[in-house]
Amino acid sequence: MKRGTIVLTKFPFTDLSSSKRRPAVIISIFIKIKISYFAFISSVIPKKLSKTDIVIIFLIKILKKQD
């Protein structure tokens, strides 16, 4: 795996009672010390963003062929 790879990983709930498998992008990997950093990926944008939230919006333009 390398930086930028999208993976499925377990993310803990806020209260740490359980976790859920979610998509994430690998931000950084330190192989020698076996540490990796991931960024959570979500299609839901919260009403209030925290200081660490980053919203990336992809716009897809669909061209309709005229008959």
PDB file of N, CA and C in Angstrom:
ATOM      1  N   MET A   1       0.838  -1.182   0.000  1.00  0.00           N
ATOM      2  CA  MET A   1       0.000   0.000   0.000  1.00  0.00           C
ATOM      3  C   MET A   1       0.880   1.241   0.000  1.00  0.00           C
ATOM      4  N   LYS A   2       0.314   2.300  -0.579  1.00  0.00           N
ATOM      5  CA  LYS A   2       1.059   3.558  -0.609  1.00  0.00           C
ATOM      6  C   LYS A   2       0.107   4.722  -0.361  1.00  0.00           C
ATOM      7  N   ARG A   3       0.677   5.882  -0.152  1.00  0.00           N
ATOM      8  CA  ARG A   3      -0.111   7.087   0.109  1.00  0.00           C
ATOM      9  C   ARG A   3      -1.081   7.327  -1.041  1.00  0.00           C
ATOM     10  N   GLY A   4      -2.336   7.671  -0.699  1.00  0.00           N
ATOM     11  CA  GLY A   4      -3.369   7.910  -1.700  1.00  0.00           C
ATOM     12  C   GLY A   4      -4.246   6.711  -1.982  1.00  0.00           C
ATOM     13  N   THR A   5      -3.854   5.531  -1.485  1.00  0.00           N
ATOM     14  CA  THR A   5      -4.647   4.320  -1.682  1.00  0.00           C
ATOM     15  C   THR A   5      -5.902   4.371  -0.817  1.00  0.00           C
ATOM     16  N   ILE A   6      -7.030   3.978  -1.398  1.00  0.00           N
ATOM     17  CA  ILE A   6      -8.280   3.910  -0.638  1.00  0.00           C
ATOM     18  C   ILE A   6      -8.438   2.487  -0.122  1.00  0.00           C
ATOM     19  N   VAL A   7      -8.698   2.369   1.175  1.00  0.00           N
ATOM     20  CA  VAL A   7      -8.804   1.065   1.841  1.00  0.00           C
ATOM     21  C   VAL A   7     -10.063   1.028   2.711  1.00  0.00           C
ATOM     22  N   LEU A   8     -10.450  -0.169   3.134  1.00  0.00           N
ATOM     23  CA  LEU A   8     -11.497  -0.322   4.141  1.00  0.00           C
ATOM     24  C   LEU A   8     -10.812  -0.610   5.463  1.00  0.00           C
ATOM     25  N   THR A   9     -11.169   0.143   6.485  1.00  0.00           N
ATOM     26  CA  THR A   9     -10.557  -0.038   7.797  1.00  0.00           C
ATOM     27  C   THR A   9     -11.591   0.188   8.892  1.00  0.00           C
ATOM     28  N   LYS A  10     -11.308  -0.283  10.081  1.00  0.00           N
ATOM     29  CA  LYS A  10     -12.235  -0.107  11.200  1.00  0.00           C
ATOM     30  C   LYS A  10     -12.053   1.273  11.820  1.00  0.00           C
ATOM     31  N   PHE A  11     -13.163   2.004  11.943  1.00  0.00           N
ATOM     32  CA  PHE A  11     -13.169   3.291  12.628  1.00  0.00           C
ATOM     33  C   PHE A  11     -13.997   3.146  13.889  1.00  0.00           C
ATOM     34  N   PRO A  12     -13.465   3.548  15.028  1.00  0.00           N
ATOM     35  CA  PRO A  12     -14.231   3.436  16.285  1.00  0.00           C
ATOM     36  C   PRO A  12     -15.316   4.496  16.384  1.00  0.00           C
ATOM     37  N   PHE A  13     -16.407   4.153  17.070  1.00  0.00           N
ATOM     38  CA  PHE A  13     -17.436   5.143  17.379  1.00  0.00           C
ATOM     39  C   PHE A  13     -16.844   6.144  18.361  1.00  0.00           C
ATOM     40  N   THR A  14     -17.446   7.316  18.450  1.00  0.00           N
ATOM     41  CA  THR A  14     -16.946   8.375  19.324  1.00  0.00           C
ATOM     42  C   THR A  14     -16.777   7.910  20.760  1.00  0.00           C
ATOM     43  N   ASP A  15     -17.740   7.100  21.245  1.00  0.00           N
ATOM     44  CA  ASP A  15     -17.664   6.632  22.638  1.00  0.00           C
ATOM     45  C   ASP A  15     -16.811   5.368  22.795  1.00  0.00           C
ATOM     46  N   LEU A  16     -16.192   4.923  21.709  1.00  0.00           N
ATOM     47  CA  LEU A  16     -15.310   3.745  21.675  1.00  0.00           C
ATOM     48  C   LEU A  16     -16.018   2.441  22.060  1.00  0.00           C
ATOM     49  N   SER A  17     -17.355   2.424  21.995  1.00  0.00           N
ATOM     50  CA  SER A  17     -18.114   1.223  22.351  1.00  0.00           C
ATOM     51  C   SER A  17     -18.010   0.139  21.286  1.00  0.00           C
ATOM     52  N   SER A  18     -17.745   0.524  20.057  1.00  0.00           N
ATOM     53  CA  SER A  18     -17.656  -0.428  18.958  1.00  0.00           C
ATOM     54  C   SER A  18     -16.964   0.271  17.792  1.00  0.00           C
ATOM     55  N   SER A  19     -16.921  -0.400  16.650  1.00  0.00           N
ATOM     56  CA  SER A  19     -16.332   0.207  15.462  1.00  0.00           C
ATOM     57  C   SER A  19     -17.094  -0.255  14.229  1.00  0.00           C
ATOM     58  N   LYS A  20     -16.851   0.419  13.121  1.00  0.00           N
ATOM     59  CA  LYS A  20     -17.517   0.088  11.873  1.00  0.00           C
ATOM     60  C   LYS A  20     -16.484   0.148  10.754  1.00  0.00           C
ATOM     61  N   ARG A  21     -16.568  -0.776   9.818  1.00  0.00           N
ATOM     62  CA  ARG A  21     -15.651  -0.782   8.684  1.00  0.00           C
ATOM     63  C   ARG A  21     -16.080   0.311   7.706  1.00  0.00           C
ATOM     64  N   ARG A  22     -15.149   1.238   7.418  1.00  0.00           N
ATOM     65  CA  ARG A  22     -15.442   2.406   6.582  1.00  0.00           C
ATOM     66  C   ARG A  22     -14.301   2.642   5.588  1.00  0.00           C
ATOM     67  N   PRO A  23     -14.577   3.327   4.478  1.00  0.00           N
ATOM     68  CA  PRO A  23     -13.496   3.667   3.545  1.00  0.00           C
ATOM     69  C   PRO A  23     -12.616   4.782   4.115  1.00  0.00           C
ATOM     70  N   ALA A  24     -11.345   4.708   3.770  1.00  0.00           N
ATOM     71  CA  ALA A  24     -10.379   5.720   4.207  1.00  0.00           C
ATOM     72  C   ALA A  24      -9.285   5.828   3.152  1.00  0.00           C
ATOM     73  N   VAL A  25      -8.622   6.963   3.138  1.00  0.00           N
ATOM     74  CA  VAL A  25      -7.484   7.145   2.241  1.00  0.00           C
ATOM     75  C   VAL A  25      -6.219   7.164   3.098  1.00  0.00           C
ATOM     76  N   ILE A  26      -5.183   6.496   2.609  1.00  0.00           N
ATOM     77  CA  ILE A  26      -3.915   6.466   3.343  1.00  0.00           C
ATOM     78  C   ILE A  26      -3.219   7.803   3.148  1.00  0.00           C
ATOM     79  N   ILE A  27      -2.931   8.464   4.264  1.00  0.00           N
ATOM     80  CA  ILE A  27      -2.253   9.761   4.243  1.00  0.00           C
ATOM     81  C   ILE A  27      -0.741   9.578   4.304  1.00  0.00           C
ATOM     82  N   SER A  28      -0.299   8.663   5.180  1.00  0.00           N
ATOM     83  CA  SER A  28       1.131   8.471   5.392  1.00  0.00           C
ATOM     84  C   SER A  28       1.379   7.088   5.979  1.00  0.00           C
ATOM     85  N   ILE A  29       2.496   6.498   5.618  1.00  0.00           N
ATOM     86  CA  ILE A  29       2.888   5.186   6.158  1.00  0.00           C
ATOM     87  C   ILE A  29       4.344   5.267   6.596  1.00  0.00           C
ATOM     88  N   PHE A  30       4.596   4.815   7.824  1.00  0.00           N
ATOM     89  CA  PHE A  30       5.959   4.709   8.342  1.00  0.00           C
ATOM     90  C   PHE A  30       6.222   3.225   8.590  1.00  0.00           C
ATOM     91  N   ILE A  31       6.808   2.563   7.597  1.00  0.00           N
ATOM     92  CA  ILE A  31       6.990   1.114   7.637  1.00  0.00           C
ATOM     93  C   ILE A  31       7.899   0.678   8.786  1.00  0.00           C
ATOM     94  N   LYS A  32       8.981   1.388   9.023  1.00  0.00           N
ATOM     95  CA  LYS A  32       9.947   0.978  10.050  1.00  0.00           C
ATOM     96  C   LYS A  32       9.330   0.925  11.442  1.00  0.00           C
ATOM     97  N   ILE A  33       8.410   1.861  11.746  1.00  0.00           N
ATOM     98  CA  ILE A  33       7.806   1.871  13.087  1.00  0.00           C
ATOM     99  C   ILE A  33       6.349   1.381  13.066  1.00  0.00           C
ATOM    100  N   LYS A  34       5.903   0.865  11.901  1.00  0.00           N
ATOM    101  CA  LYS A  34       4.581   0.249  11.742  1.00  0.00           C
ATOM    102  C   LYS A  34       3.436   1.176  12.163  1.00  0.00           C
ATOM    103  N   ILE A  35       3.478   2.409  11.666  1.00  0.00           N
ATOM    104  CA  ILE A  35       2.407   3.381  11.932  1.00  0.00           C
ATOM    105  C   ILE A  35       1.879   3.886  10.592  1.00  0.00           C
ATOM    106  N   SER A  36       0.565   3.957  10.478  1.00  0.00           N
ATOM    107  CA  SER A  36      -0.077   4.496   9.288  1.00  0.00           C
ATOM    108  C   SER A  36      -1.111   5.527   9.709  1.00  0.00           C
ATOM    109  N   TYR A  37      -1.279   6.557   8.890  1.00  0.00           N
ATOM    110  CA  TYR A  37      -2.299   7.567   9.134  1.00  0.00           C
ATOM    111  C   TYR A  37      -3.343   7.491   8.025  1.00  0.00           C
ATOM    112  N   PHE A  38      -4.607   7.512   8.429  1.00  0.00           N
ATOM    113  CA  PHE A  38      -5.716   7.414   7.488  1.00  0.00           C
ATOM    114  C   PHE A  38      -6.641   8.610   7.641  1.00  0.00           C
ATOM    115  N   ALA A  39      -7.331   8.963   6.561  1.00  0.00           N
ATOM    116  CA  ALA A  39      -8.375   9.992   6.617  1.00  0.00           C
ATOM    117  C   ALA A  39      -9.697   9.314   6.279  1.00  0.00           C
ATOM    118  N   PHE A  40     -10.673   9.499   7.129  1.00  0.00           N
ATOM    119  CA  PHE A  40     -12.002   8.944   6.971  1.00  0.00           C
ATOM    120  C   PHE A  40     -12.672   9.558   5.739  1.00  0.00           C
ATOM    121  N   ILE A  41     -13.381   8.743   4.964  1.00  0.00           N
ATOM    122  CA  ILE A  41     -14.107   9.210   3.787  1.00  0.00           C
ATOM    123  C   ILE A  41     -15.594   9.050   4.049  1.00  0.00           C
ATOM    124  N   SER A  42     -16.363  10.100   3.784  1.00  0.00           N
ATOM    125  CA  SER A  42     -17.812  10.038   3.991  1.00  0.00           C
ATOM    126  C   SER A  42     -18.523  10.842   2.917  1.00  0.00           C
ATOM    127  N   SER A  43     -19.733  10.419   2.567  1.00  0.00           N
ATOM    128  CA  SER A  43     -20.541  11.183   1.618  1.00  0.00           C
ATOM    129  C   SER A  43     -21.493  12.123   2.354  1.00  0.00           C
ATOM    130  N   VAL A  44     -21.485  12.065   3.680  1.00  0.00           N
ATOM    131  CA  VAL A  44     -22.363  12.906   4.498  1.00  0.00           C
ATOM    132  C   VAL A  44     -21.578  14.121   4.998  1.00  0.00           C
ATOM    133  N   ILE A  45     -22.102  15.309   4.734  1.00  0.00           N
ATOM    134  CA  ILE A  45     -21.467  16.533   5.216  1.00  0.00           C
ATOM    135  C   ILE A  45     -22.227  16.994   6.452  1.00  0.00           C
ATOM    136  N   PRO A  46     -21.562  17.045   7.622  1.00  0.00           N
ATOM    137  CA  PRO A  46     -22.258  17.465   8.845  1.00  0.00           C
ATOM    138  C   PRO A  46     -22.654  18.936   8.788  1.00  0.00           C
ATOM    139  N   LYS A  47     -23.694  19.287   9.546  1.00  0.00           N
ATOM    140  CA  LYS A  47     -24.154  20.680   9.576  1.00  0.00           C
ATOM    141  C   LYS A  47     -23.077  21.604  10.124  1.00  0.00           C
ATOM    142  N   LYS A  48     -22.317  21.111  11.106  1.00  0.00           N
ATOM    143  CA  LYS A  48     -21.235  21.901  11.690  1.00  0.00           C
ATOM    144  C   LYS A  48     -19.927  21.126  11.541  1.00  0.00           C
ATOM    145  N   LEU A  49     -18.967  21.729  10.873  1.00  0.00           N
ATOM    146  CA  LEU A  49     -17.677  21.079  10.660  1.00  0.00           C
ATOM    147  C   LEU A  49     -16.746  21.372  11.827  1.00  0.00           C
ATOM    148  N   SER A  50     -15.904  20.389  12.147  1.00  0.00           N
ATOM    149  CA  SER A  50     -14.893  20.622  13.168  1.00  0.00           C
ATOM    150  C   SER A  50     -13.665  21.250  12.505  1.00  0.00           C
ATOM    151  N   LYS A  51     -12.706  21.676  13.296  1.00  0.00           N
ATOM    152  CA  LYS A  51     -11.497  22.312  12.766  1.00  0.00           C
ATOM    153  C   LYS A  51     -10.677  21.364  11.886  1.00  0.00           C
ATOM    154  N   THR A  52     -10.834  20.065  12.088  1.00  0.00           N
ATOM    155  CA  THR A  52     -10.043  19.098  11.341  1.00  0.00           C
ATOM    156  C   THR A  52     -10.764  18.533  10.121  1.00  0.00           C
ATOM    157  N   ASP A  53     -12.030  18.925   9.911  1.00  0.00           N
ATOM    158  CA  ASP A  53     -12.792  18.442   8.757  1.00  0.00           C
ATOM    159  C   ASP A  53     -12.369  19.171   7.488  1.00  0.00           C
ATOM    160  N   ILE A  54     -12.275  18.414   6.407  1.00  0.00           N
ATOM    161  CA  ILE A  54     -11.999  18.980   5.086  1.00  0.00           C
ATOM    162  C   ILE A  54     -13.067  18.456   4.139  1.00  0.00           C
ATOM    163  N   VAL A  55     -13.762  19.351   3.465  1.00  0.00           N
ATOM    164  CA  VAL A  55     -14.802  18.956   2.520  1.00  0.00           C
ATOM    165  C   VAL A  55     -14.251  19.104   1.112  1.00  0.00           C
ATOM    166  N   ILE A  56     -14.314  18.029   0.361  1.00  0.00           N
ATOM    167  CA  ILE A  56     -13.881  18.027  -1.040  1.00  0.00           C
ATOM    168  C   ILE A  56     -15.106  17.678  -1.873  1.00  0.00           C
ATOM    169  N   ILE A  57     -15.469  18.558  -2.781  1.00  0.00           N
ATOM    170  CA  ILE A  57     -16.648  18.333  -3.605  1.00  0.00           C
ATOM    171  C   ILE A  57     -16.206  18.092  -5.045  1.00  0.00           C
ATOM    172  N   PHE A  58     -16.645  16.962  -5.591  1.00  0.00           N
ATOM    173  CA  PHE A  58     -16.365  16.644  -6.979  1.00  0.00           C
ATOM    174  C   PHE A  58     -17.604  16.966  -7.798  1.00  0.00           C
ATOM    175  N   LEU A  59     -17.432  17.769  -8.800  1.00  0.00           N
ATOM    176  CA  LEU A  59     -18.535  18.095  -9.696  1.00  0.00           C
ATOM    177  C   LEU A  59     -18.365  17.295 -10.980  1.00  0.00           C
ATOM    178  N   ILE A  60     -19.412  16.590 -11.341  1.00  0.00           N
ATOM    179  CA  ILE A  60     -19.381  15.779 -12.552  1.00  0.00           C
ATOM    180  C   ILE A  60     -20.394  16.369 -13.527  1.00  0.00           C
ATOM    181  N   LYS A  61     -19.921  16.771 -14.659  1.00  0.00           N
ATOM    182  CA  LYS A  61     -20.798  17.328 -15.674  1.00  0.00           C
ATOM    183  C   LYS A  61     -21.167  16.230 -16.663  1.00  0.00           C
ATOM    184  N   ILE A  62     -22.441  15.993 -16.802  1.00  0.00           N
ATOM    185  CA  ILE A  62     -22.928  14.967 -17.721  1.00  0.00           C
ATOM    186  C   ILE A  62     -23.451  15.671 -18.967  1.00  0.00           C
ATOM    187  N   LEU A  63     -22.841  15.341 -20.062  1.00  0.00           N
ATOM    188  CA  LEU A  63     -23.252  15.944 -21.329  1.00  0.00           C
ATOM    189  C   LEU A  63     -24.297  15.057 -21.982  1.00  0.00           C
ATOM    190  N   LYS A  64     -25.445  15.635 -22.262  1.00  0.00           N
ATOM    191  CA  LYS A  64     -26.520  14.891 -22.907  1.00  0.00           C
ATOM    192  C   LYS A  64     -26.385  15.058 -24.415  1.00  0.00           C
ATOM    193  N   LYS A  65     -26.317  13.929 -25.093  1.00  0.00           N
ATOM    194  CA  LYS A  65     -26.203  13.968 -26.542  1.00  0.00           C
ATOM    195  C   LYS A  65     -27.535  14.418 -27.129  1.00  0.00           C
ATOM    196  N   GLN A  66     -27.469  15.414 -27.992  1.00  0.00           N
ATOM    197  CA  GLN A  66     -28.693  15.924 -28.614  1.00  0.00           C
ATOM    198  C   GLN A  66     -29.000  15.075 -29.838  1.00  0.00           C
ATOM    199  N   ASP A  67     -30.258  14.667 -29.927  1.00  0.00           N
ATOM    200  CA  ASP A  67     -30.677  13.828 -31.071  1.00  0.00           C
ATOM    201  C   ASP A  67     -30.982  14.668 -32.281  1.00  0.00           C
TER     202      ASP A  67
END
